[in-house]
Protein backbone atom coordinates (compact mmCIF):
# COMPACT_ATOMS: atom_id res chain seq x y z
CA MET A 1 14.39 -12.43 -7.55
CA ASN A 2 16.52 -9.27 -7.57
CA LYS A 3 15.84 -6.82 -4.77
CA SER A 4 16.99 -3.18 -4.73
CA ILE A 5 16.72 -0.67 -1.90
CA ILE A 6 16.63 3.00 -2.97
CA ALA A 7 17.08 5.67 -0.26
CA ASN A 8 16.40 9.35 -0.91
CA VAL A 9 17.62 11.36 2.11
CA MET A 10 16.83 15.05 2.74
CA PRO A 11 17.15 17.06 5.98
CA GLU A 12 13.36 17.19 6.24
CA GLU A 13 12.43 13.74 4.96
CA THR A 14 13.82 10.31 4.26
CA ARG A 15 12.16 8.05 1.68
CA VAL A 16 13.15 4.40 1.14
CA ALA A 17 11.74 2.20 -1.62
CA LEU A 18 12.02 -1.58 -2.02
CA LEU A 19 12.01 -2.85 -5.61
CA GLU A 20 11.62 -6.49 -6.55
CA ASP A 21 12.70 -7.27 -10.14
CA GLY A 22 12.35 -3.55 -10.83
CA GLU A 23 8.78 -3.28 -9.54
CA LEU A 24 7.99 -1.02 -6.58
CA MET A 25 6.78 -3.19 -3.67
CA GLU A 26 7.17 -1.08 -0.52
CA ILE A 27 7.73 2.56 0.31
CA SER A 28 8.59 4.04 3.72
CA VAL A 29 8.65 7.74 4.58
CA GLU A 30 9.98 9.31 7.74
CA ARG A 31 9.97 13.02 8.49
CA SER A 32 12.35 14.78 10.85
CA GLU A 33 9.77 17.03 12.50
CA ASN A 34 7.20 14.35 13.37
CA GLY A 35 9.13 11.08 13.37
CA PRO A 36 7.48 7.80 14.37
CA LEU A 37 7.29 6.76 18.04
CA VAL A 38 7.09 2.98 17.46
CA GLY A 39 9.94 1.24 19.27
CA ASN A 40 10.68 4.18 21.58
CA ILE A 41 10.89 3.38 25.31
CA TYR A 42 9.64 5.95 27.84
CA LYS A 43 9.54 6.33 31.56
CA GLY A 44 5.93 7.35 31.87
CA LYS A 45 3.56 8.42 34.61
CA VAL A 46 0.16 6.81 34.98
CA LYS A 47 -2.57 9.45 34.55
CA ASN A 48 -5.66 7.29 34.66
CA VAL A 49 -6.43 3.63 35.36
CA LEU A 50 -9.42 1.95 33.69
CA PRO A 51 -9.94 -1.45 35.42
CA GLY A 52 -13.10 -2.14 33.38
CA MET A 53 -11.09 -1.89 30.19
CA GLN A 54 -7.94 -3.55 31.67
CA ALA A 55 -6.03 -0.47 30.56
CA ALA A 56 -4.39 2.76 31.67
CA PHE A 57 -3.41 6.09 30.14
CA VAL A 58 0.24 6.98 30.59
CA ASP A 59 1.83 10.41 30.24
CA ILE A 60 4.98 10.03 28.12
CA GLY A 61 5.61 13.74 27.62
CA ARG A 62 3.86 13.95 24.26
CA ASP A 63 0.74 15.79 23.16
CA LYS A 64 -1.41 12.69 23.72
CA ASN A 65 -1.13 10.15 26.52
CA ALA A 66 -0.27 6.59 25.54
CA PHE A 67 -2.92 3.90 25.87
CA LEU A 68 -1.57 0.93 27.80
CA TYR A 69 -3.64 -2.21 27.36
CA MET A 70 -3.14 -5.13 29.69
CA GLY A 71 -5.37 -7.72 28.10
CA ASP A 72 -3.82 -11.09 28.86
CA ALA A 73 -3.98 -12.76 32.27
CA GLY A 74 -0.42 -11.91 33.35
CA ARG A 75 -0.76 -8.29 32.42
CA GLN A 76 -4.17 -7.98 34.06
CA ALA A 77 -2.52 -8.59 37.42
CA ALA A 78 0.03 -5.89 36.63
CA CYS A 79 -2.76 -3.54 35.61
CA ARG A 80 -4.50 -4.01 38.97
CA ARG A 81 -1.25 -2.92 40.67
CA LEU A 82 -1.08 0.32 38.66
CA THR A 83 -2.03 3.49 40.47
CA VAL A 84 -2.40 7.10 39.35
CA GLY A 85 0.98 8.87 39.60
CA GLN A 86 2.97 5.63 39.41
CA GLU A 87 6.02 5.63 37.14
CA VAL A 88 6.26 2.80 34.59
CA LEU A 89 8.50 1.81 31.67
CA VAL A 90 6.50 1.49 28.45
CA GLN A 91 7.38 0.96 24.79
CA ILE A 92 5.31 2.36 21.95
CA ALA A 93 3.76 -0.44 19.88
CA LYS A 94 1.58 1.64 17.59
CA ASP A 95 1.84 5.24 16.47
CA ALA A 96 -0.94 7.78 17.16
CA MET A 97 -3.54 7.61 14.39
CA GLY A 98 -6.30 10.14 13.89
CA ASP A 99 -7.81 11.06 17.25
CA LYS A 100 -6.25 8.07 19.00
CA GLY A 101 -3.00 8.46 20.94
CA PRO A 102 -0.08 6.03 20.67
CA ARG A 103 -0.56 2.50 22.02
CA ALA A 104 2.00 1.22 24.52
CA THR A 105 3.11 -2.06 26.03
CA ILE A 106 5.06 -3.06 29.14
CA SER A 107 6.62 -5.98 27.18
CA LEU A 108 9.87 -4.22 26.15
CA THR A 109 11.93 -5.35 23.15
CA LEU A 110 15.31 -4.22 21.85
CA PRO A 111 15.87 -5.29 18.24
CA GLY A 112 19.30 -6.07 16.87
CA ARG A 113 20.52 -7.39 13.56
CA TYR A 114 20.14 -11.09 14.40
CA ILE A 115 18.19 -11.21 17.63
CA VAL A 116 15.58 -9.28 19.59
CA LEU A 117 16.20 -8.97 23.34
CA MET A 118 13.20 -9.06 25.69
CA PRO A 119 14.57 -7.88 29.07
CA ASN A 120 11.52 -8.69 31.20
CA VAL A 121 10.25 -11.91 29.55
CA ASP A 122 11.73 -15.42 29.99
CA TYR A 123 11.15 -16.78 26.51
CA ILE A 124 12.91 -18.10 23.38
CA GLY A 125 11.36 -17.67 19.93
CA ILE A 126 12.55 -18.46 16.41
CA SER A 127 11.37 -16.54 13.32
CA ARG A 128 8.56 -18.41 11.56
CA ARG A 129 10.27 -17.66 8.26
CA ILE A 130 13.06 -20.08 9.19
CA GLU A 131 11.37 -23.30 8.14
CA ASP A 132 14.22 -25.84 8.30
CA GLU A 133 13.66 -27.76 11.57
CA PHE A 134 17.35 -28.64 11.99
CA GLU A 135 18.31 -24.95 11.70
CA ARG A 136 15.55 -23.88 14.07
CA GLU A 137 16.79 -26.31 16.72
CA ARG A 138 20.41 -25.21 16.24
CA LEU A 139 19.43 -21.57 16.70
CA ARG A 140 17.27 -22.42 19.72
CA GLN A 141 20.28 -24.07 21.42
CA LEU A 142 22.49 -21.06 20.62
CA ALA A 143 19.84 -18.68 22.00
CA GLU A 144 19.65 -20.71 25.20
CA LYS A 145 23.40 -20.38 25.67
CA LEU A 146 23.76 -16.68 25.00
CA ARG A 147 20.70 -15.13 26.60
CA PRO A 148 21.06 -13.59 30.07
CA ASP A 149 19.23 -15.29 32.94
CA GLY A 150 15.58 -14.29 33.15
CA MET A 151 15.57 -12.51 29.79
CA GLY A 152 13.98 -13.57 26.53
CA VAL A 153 15.29 -13.77 22.96
CA ILE A 154 13.68 -13.87 19.54
CA VAL A 155 15.99 -15.11 16.77
CA ARG A 156 15.40 -13.19 13.55
CA THR A 157 15.27 -14.56 10.00
CA VAL A 158 18.69 -13.17 8.99
CA ALA A 159 20.29 -15.23 11.81
CA ALA A 160 19.92 -18.40 9.74
CA GLY A 161 23.36 -19.88 9.17
CA LYS A 162 25.11 -17.48 11.57
CA SER A 163 27.58 -18.60 14.18
CA TYR A 164 27.47 -18.35 17.98
CA ASP A 165 30.11 -15.54 17.89
CA GLU A 166 28.00 -13.46 15.45
CA LEU A 167 24.88 -13.81 17.57
CA MET A 168 26.87 -13.16 20.76
CA LYS A 169 28.21 -9.89 19.31
CA ASP A 170 24.62 -8.79 18.76
CA MET A 171 23.60 -9.87 22.25
CA ALA A 172 26.53 -8.00 23.86
CA TYR A 173 25.45 -4.79 22.14
CA LEU A 174 21.77 -5.18 23.20
CA THR A 175 22.56 -6.04 26.81
CA ASN A 176 24.76 -2.95 26.95
CA VAL A 177 21.89 -0.84 25.62
CA TRP A 178 19.56 -2.32 28.23
CA SER A 179 22.05 -1.69 31.04
CA THR A 180 22.45 1.95 29.99
CA LEU A 181 18.71 2.39 29.66
CA SER A 182 17.98 0.81 33.06
CA THR A 183 20.57 3.01 34.80
CA ARG A 184 19.14 6.14 33.23
CA ALA A 185 15.57 5.11 34.17
CA LYS A 186 16.51 4.99 37.86
CA ARG A 187 17.83 8.56 38.02
CA ILE A 188 15.46 10.45 35.68
CA ASN A 189 11.99 11.68 36.48
CA ALA A 190 8.93 10.75 34.37
CA PRO A 191 7.82 11.53 31.76
CA ALA A 192 11.05 11.01 29.79
CA LEU A 193 12.32 9.34 26.64
CA LEU A 194 14.84 6.60 27.55
CA TYR A 195 15.46 4.95 24.22
CA ARG A 196 14.79 6.06 20.66
CA ASP A 197 14.54 3.44 17.93
CA ALA A 198 16.93 3.83 15.00
CA ASP A 199 16.03 6.17 12.15
CA LEU A 200 14.60 4.83 8.89
CA VAL A 201 17.88 4.26 7.05
CA ILE A 202 19.38 2.23 9.93
CA ARG A 203 16.14 0.27 10.42
CA ILE A 204 16.26 -0.69 6.72
CA VAL A 205 19.80 -2.02 7.22
CA ARG A 206 18.74 -3.88 10.35
CA ASP A 207 15.48 -5.32 8.99
CA TYR A 208 15.68 -5.52 5.20
CA LEU A 209 19.31 -5.94 4.08
CA THR A 210 19.49 -9.66 3.35
CA ASP A 211 21.33 -11.98 0.95
CA ASP A 212 18.78 -11.42 -1.83
CA VAL A 213 19.35 -7.64 -1.92
CA THR A 214 21.58 -6.91 -4.88
CA GLU A 215 22.03 -3.17 -4.33
CA PHE A 216 21.37 -0.52 -1.72
CA ILE A 217 21.64 2.94 -3.26
CA ILE A 218 21.79 6.05 -1.09
CA ASP A 219 21.98 9.66 -2.30
CA SER A 220 23.33 11.16 0.94
CA GLN A 221 27.03 11.04 1.82
CA GLU A 222 26.29 11.29 5.52
CA ALA A 223 23.70 8.45 5.46
CA TYR A 224 26.00 6.36 3.27
CA ASN A 225 28.86 6.72 5.77
CA ARG A 226 26.61 5.71 8.66
CA VAL A 227 25.39 2.63 6.82
CA VAL A 228 28.90 1.51 5.88
CA ASP A 229 30.18 2.08 9.42
CA LEU A 230 27.30 0.00 10.83
CA LEU A 231 27.87 -2.82 8.34
CA ARG A 232 31.56 -2.98 9.19
CA TYR A 233 30.48 -3.88 12.69
CA ILE A 234 27.49 -6.17 12.10
CA SER A 235 27.64 -7.55 8.52
CA PRO A 236 30.75 -6.59 6.53
CA GLU A 237 29.78 -8.96 3.72
CA PHE A 238 27.04 -6.52 2.64
CA ILE A 239 29.26 -3.43 2.21
CA GLU A 240 29.87 -4.19 -1.46
CA SER A 241 26.13 -3.96 -2.19
CA VAL A 242 25.90 -0.41 -0.80
CA ARG A 243 26.76 2.45 -3.12
CA LEU A 244 26.51 6.21 -3.07
CA TYR A 245 24.41 7.77 -5.81
CA GLU A 246 25.92 10.71 -7.62
CA SER A 247 23.56 12.47 -10.00
CA GLY A 248 26.23 13.90 -12.34
CA ASN A 249 24.44 15.97 -14.98
CA TYR A 250 20.98 14.60 -14.08
CA ASP A 251 18.68 17.26 -12.58
CA GLY A 252 16.24 14.96 -10.75
CA ASP A 253 16.69 13.23 -7.40
CA LEU A 254 17.20 9.48 -6.95
CA PHE A 255 13.49 8.63 -6.81
CA ASN A 256 12.88 10.53 -10.00
CA ARG A 257 15.77 8.73 -11.70
CA PHE A 258 14.18 5.35 -10.97
CA GLY A 259 10.64 6.53 -11.86
CA ILE A 260 9.41 6.05 -8.28
CA ASP A 261 7.88 9.51 -7.94
CA ASN A 262 5.39 8.79 -10.72
CA LYS A 263 4.41 5.49 -9.08
CA LEU A 264 3.91 7.23 -5.76
CA GLU A 265 1.32 9.53 -7.33
CA THR A 266 -0.84 6.52 -8.15
CA LEU A 267 -1.20 5.67 -4.43
CA ARG A 268 -3.90 8.34 -4.04
CA ASN A 269 -6.11 6.54 -6.59
CA ARG A 270 -8.90 4.25 -5.45
CA ARG A 271 -8.66 2.29 -8.69
CA VAL A 272 -5.77 -0.03 -9.51
CA ASP A 273 -5.70 -1.44 -13.04
CA LEU A 274 -4.70 -5.06 -13.63
CA LYS A 275 -2.68 -6.15 -16.64
CA CYS A 276 -5.48 -8.39 -17.87
CA GLY A 277 -7.90 -5.44 -18.17
CA GLY A 278 -9.65 -5.90 -14.85
CA TYR A 279 -9.20 -3.57 -11.90
CA LEU A 280 -9.36 -3.22 -8.10
CA VAL A 281 -11.19 -0.55 -6.12
CA ILE A 282 -9.69 0.15 -2.68
CA ASP A 283 -11.78 2.06 -0.11
CA HIS A 284 -10.76 2.94 3.45
CA THR A 285 -13.14 3.36 6.35
CA GLU A 286 -12.54 4.00 10.04
CA ALA A 287 -12.99 0.33 10.88
CA LEU A 288 -11.63 -1.54 7.87
CA THR A 289 -10.42 -1.50 4.27
CA VAL A 290 -12.59 -2.90 1.48
CA ILE A 291 -11.13 -4.15 -1.81
CA ASP A 292 -13.44 -4.92 -4.73
CA VAL A 293 -12.34 -6.95 -7.76
CA ASN A 294 -13.87 -6.23 -11.19
CA THR A 295 -13.37 -7.81 -14.60
CA GLY A 296 -13.46 -4.43 -16.37
CA LYS A 297 -12.42 -4.83 -19.99
CA PHE A 298 -11.18 -8.39 -19.51
CA VAL A 299 -13.41 -10.76 -21.50
CA GLY A 300 -11.10 -13.79 -21.67
CA ASP A 301 -10.98 -16.27 -24.54
CA THR A 302 -12.61 -19.48 -23.28
CA ASN A 303 -15.68 -19.19 -21.01
CA LEU A 304 -17.05 -17.01 -18.21
CA SER A 305 -15.86 -19.31 -15.42
CA GLU A 306 -12.27 -19.30 -16.66
CA THR A 307 -12.33 -15.55 -17.32
CA VAL A 308 -13.43 -14.83 -13.76
CA PHE A 309 -10.85 -17.25 -12.36
CA GLN A 310 -7.97 -15.66 -14.29
CA ALA A 311 -9.02 -12.18 -13.20
CA ASN A 312 -9.22 -13.26 -9.56
CA MET A 313 -5.81 -14.97 -9.67
CA GLU A 314 -4.12 -11.83 -11.00
CA ALA A 315 -6.06 -9.71 -8.48
CA ALA A 316 -4.88 -11.90 -5.58
CA ALA A 317 -1.22 -11.21 -6.36
CA GLU A 318 -1.88 -7.48 -6.93
CA ILE A 319 -3.83 -7.18 -3.68
CA ALA A 320 -0.86 -8.58 -1.72
CA ARG A 321 1.37 -6.02 -3.47
CA GLN A 322 -0.99 -3.11 -2.76
CA LEU A 323 -1.24 -4.04 0.93
CA ARG A 324 2.57 -3.78 1.16
CA LEU A 325 2.85 -0.72 -1.05
CA ARG A 326 0.14 1.30 0.72
CA ASP A 327 0.97 -0.31 4.11
CA ILE A 328 -2.68 -1.11 4.70
CA GLY A 329 -3.33 -2.58 8.13
CA GLY A 330 -6.20 -3.66 10.36
CA ILE A 331 -9.25 -5.54 9.07
CA ILE A 332 -9.35 -6.08 5.30
CA ILE A 333 -12.36 -7.39 3.36
CA ILE A 334 -11.84 -8.58 -0.23
CA ASP A 335 -14.76 -9.06 -2.63
CA PHE A 336 -13.44 -11.31 -5.39
CA ILE A 337 -15.62 -11.94 -8.42
CA ASP A 338 -18.03 -14.82 -7.69
CA MET A 339 -16.63 -18.25 -8.61
CA GLY A 340 -18.84 -21.33 -8.94
CA LYS A 341 -16.15 -23.96 -8.51
CA ALA A 342 -14.68 -24.84 -5.11
CA GLU A 343 -11.29 -25.67 -6.62
CA GLN A 344 -11.08 -22.22 -8.17
CA ARG A 345 -11.85 -20.55 -4.83
CA SER A 346 -9.17 -22.68 -3.16
CA ALA A 347 -6.64 -21.76 -5.86
CA VAL A 348 -7.32 -18.03 -5.47
CA MET A 349 -6.96 -18.26 -1.68
CA ALA A 350 -3.71 -20.20 -2.10
CA GLU A 351 -2.39 -17.55 -4.49
CA LEU A 352 -3.25 -14.78 -2.04
CA GLU A 353 -1.54 -16.56 0.88
CA PHE A 354 1.54 -17.36 -1.27
CA ALA A 355 1.87 -13.70 -2.33
CA LEU A 356 1.51 -12.56 1.31
CA LYS A 357 4.47 -14.68 2.35
CA LYS A 358 6.76 -12.07 0.77
CA ASP A 359 5.38 -9.47 3.15
CA ARG A 360 7.45 -8.91 6.31
CA THR A 361 4.42 -7.50 8.11
CA LYS A 362 2.35 -10.27 9.73
CA SER A 363 -1.00 -10.97 8.11
CA ASN A 364 -3.68 -13.59 8.74
CA VAL A 365 -6.15 -14.79 6.09
CA LEU A 366 -9.24 -15.97 7.97
CA GLY A 367 -11.18 -17.49 5.07
CA ILE A 368 -14.32 -16.89 3.01
CA THR A 369 -17.56 -15.77 4.66
CA SER A 370 -21.04 -17.07 3.78
CA LEU A 371 -21.40 -14.02 1.52
CA GLY A 372 -18.29 -14.98 -0.43
CA LEU A 373 -16.08 -12.27 1.03
CA VAL A 374 -12.48 -12.94 2.08
CA GLU A 375 -11.62 -11.75 5.60
CA MET A 376 -8.05 -11.03 6.61
CA THR A 377 -6.04 -8.90 8.97
CA ARG A 378 -2.62 -7.21 8.65
CA LYS A 379 -0.63 -5.79 11.51
CA LYS A 380 -0.78 -2.02 11.74
CA ALA A 381 1.92 -0.21 13.77
CA ARG A 382 3.12 2.90 11.99
CA GLN A 383 1.24 5.63 10.23
CA ASN A 384 0.64 4.43 6.64
CA ILE A 385 1.98 6.22 3.58
CA HIS A 386 -1.46 7.52 2.56
CA SER A 387 -2.11 9.35 5.85
CA MET A 388 1.43 10.74 5.91
CA LEU A 389 1.50 12.15 2.39
CA TYR A 390 -2.08 13.43 2.17
CA SER A 391 -4.39 15.42 4.43
CA GLU A 392 -8.18 15.51 4.55
CA CYS A 393 -9.85 17.45 1.73
CA PRO A 394 -11.35 20.73 3.11
CA CYS A 395 -14.22 20.46 0.64
CA CYS A 396 -15.40 16.90 1.16
CA LEU A 397 -13.92 16.37 4.68
CA GLY A 398 -12.63 12.96 3.70
CA LYS A 399 -15.91 11.67 2.30
CA GLY A 400 -14.62 11.65 -1.30
CA ARG A 401 -17.85 13.35 -2.44
CA ILE A 402 -19.09 16.96 -2.59
CA LYS A 403 -22.52 18.33 -3.44
CA SER A 404 -23.21 18.58 -7.11
CA PRO A 405 -23.72 22.10 -8.62
CA GLU A 406 -27.40 21.27 -9.07
CA THR A 407 -27.74 20.39 -5.38
CA VAL A 408 -26.07 23.70 -4.36
CA VAL A 409 -28.45 25.61 -6.66
CA ILE A 410 -31.44 23.96 -4.96
CA ASP A 411 -29.91 24.93 -1.55
CA ILE A 412 -29.69 28.55 -2.79
CA LYS A 413 -33.32 28.50 -3.88
CA ARG A 414 -34.35 27.09 -0.51
CA GLU A 415 -32.48 29.89 1.28
CA LEU A 416 -34.01 32.56 -0.97
CA ARG A 417 -37.52 31.28 -0.18
CA LYS A 418 -36.73 31.40 3.55
CA LEU A 419 -35.49 34.98 3.06
CA ASN A 420 -38.77 35.94 1.37
CA LYS A 421 -40.69 34.77 4.41
CA ARG A 422 -38.51 36.82 6.78
CA SER A 423 -38.31 40.09 4.85
CA ARG A 424 -40.18 42.10 2.26
CA PRO A 425 -39.51 41.41 -1.44
CA GLY A 426 -37.41 43.87 -3.41
CA GLY A 427 -33.83 44.99 -3.47
CA ARG A 428 -30.79 43.48 -5.14
CA LEU A 429 -29.01 40.36 -3.94
CA LEU A 430 -25.49 39.31 -4.87
CA ILE A 431 -25.10 35.50 -5.00
CA GLN A 432 -21.43 34.47 -4.67
CA VAL A 433 -20.75 30.89 -5.76
CA HIS A 434 -18.11 28.64 -7.26
CA PRO A 435 -17.86 28.96 -11.09
CA GLN A 436 -19.39 25.48 -11.60
CA VAL A 437 -22.48 26.52 -9.63
CA ALA A 438 -22.56 29.89 -11.43
CA ASP A 439 -22.83 27.99 -14.74
CA PHE A 440 -25.99 26.31 -13.48
CA LEU A 441 -27.54 29.55 -12.27
CA ASN A 442 -26.75 31.29 -15.55
CA ARG A 443 -28.51 28.72 -17.72
CA PRO A 444 -31.08 30.33 -20.07
CA GLY A 445 -34.12 31.49 -18.16
CA GLU A 446 -32.95 30.10 -14.76
CA LEU A 447 -32.14 33.44 -13.08
CA LYS A 448 -35.14 35.19 -14.60
CA ARG A 449 -37.55 32.58 -13.20
CA LEU A 450 -35.92 32.91 -9.78
CA GLU A 451 -36.17 36.73 -9.85
CA GLN A 452 -39.90 36.50 -10.68
CA GLU A 453 -40.51 34.02 -7.87
CA THR A 454 -38.62 36.01 -5.21
CA ALA A 455 -39.48 39.48 -6.53
CA ARG A 456 -35.86 40.49 -6.16
CA SER A 457 -33.08 41.52 -8.55
CA LEU A 458 -30.38 38.83 -8.49
CA VAL A 459 -26.69 39.11 -9.53
CA VAL A 460 -24.47 36.03 -9.78
CA GLU A 461 -20.73 36.36 -9.08
CA ALA A 462 -18.44 33.42 -9.87
CA THR A 463 -15.67 33.19 -7.20
CA LEU A 464 -13.00 30.59 -7.90
CA ARG A 465 -11.66 30.60 -4.32
CA MET A 466 -15.00 29.50 -2.86
CA ASN A 467 -15.69 25.96 -1.71
CA PRO A 468 -17.91 24.36 -4.43
CA GLU A 469 -20.46 23.40 -1.73
CA THR A 470 -20.86 26.90 -0.21
CA PHE A 471 -22.49 30.15 -1.30
CA SER A 472 -23.17 33.59 0.16
CA LEU A 473 -26.09 35.99 -0.25
CA LEU A 474 -25.23 39.68 0.13
CA TRP A 475 -27.38 42.77 -0.22
CA LYS A 476 -26.05 44.87 -3.06
CA SER A 477 -26.53 48.63 -3.03
CA ASP A 478 -27.23 50.47 -6.31
């Protein structure tokens, strides 16, 4: 599989796309004005302690306080020691979403290229993606040698095959960061930012640039220079795969050149078409995301059972791709087309789990419920692409539905009848509505019947700028 990383960098926004064999699989967007908080470490001040919820709210100097949950047994003891006004070091684990503030943790982590340093946890972990037991044990022994006393280490996937010296170089950098951070924390007053996680371009180098990436294309000279300088220090073998994009006579930007902009536009659609003729419908709610699988135009060429099975198999792979592409997190419910055979259900589940292995974000497929629905979860930390690119519709307020013109006309009639009870008939009324509603009111005989019923002269004015659900009734002088 050939992987390409495409980075479009502007002063206001950075966009990075991951392509696998030319197909868009992931997209990340970061904006300068409201960058993500995940990974940032703050010296915060406790504003409120909630023992009943094993949690506290911590002022980190942002618009919203961070929610600090202390759910496990060890943290519950720490939570009981928290008092209002106390200063505490916290790291943001999840960005603010909707009305909820950011979520914080006292388990601090400093990620490097090959390892993650955990300054206040005595623990050694090896990436689950490293499956070779001999390599896992070798890395565990190296981690034991290089970690500082009392601190923890997680060995990352890209550390496979790396030497002690390469890992030690990473550790030296991270321990220096921690030392600087700790010193600053002692002399600065809360709330204050102590450590900011790397920007999107550097995080991509740190987390995504692996042996299977054939090219990393960047359209900013400044960002290109930073990436090359970093790679000279941590992984010089990858420098050859990084290149600066120069548009030449081409008018469009890098994303446009690779056709990514057009693919991004499809992310607002609920419906995702499958190559076989079937389709998915993806709906988001406050609590979970629901994905429905439909056969659509796919009729197969053998029998119904096989047709359904083929559609579900293709849907399983596409669902895994859409979860990555749209960065859908939290609880996910999938309604595959009903299958009568147990072996077919097992095969579809295996296909889904296999496709999810390509996803760097942790997911957990829980199984099939008694209603035949697949339950799964996917870790949610940063604001997803959908909520970043789009805002709530002022007409439907996020419902995805507005009143039909016929419904609005009935609302107008109801209001006119109320008006008749409150005031004497007569006079002229101007009804201002959206053009679609005006078309209903101007149907043959409609307005005349309404004038006879209300004993008023009615004038309809189509106003394009009006919300299709609203209307106004104004007295009109002759």
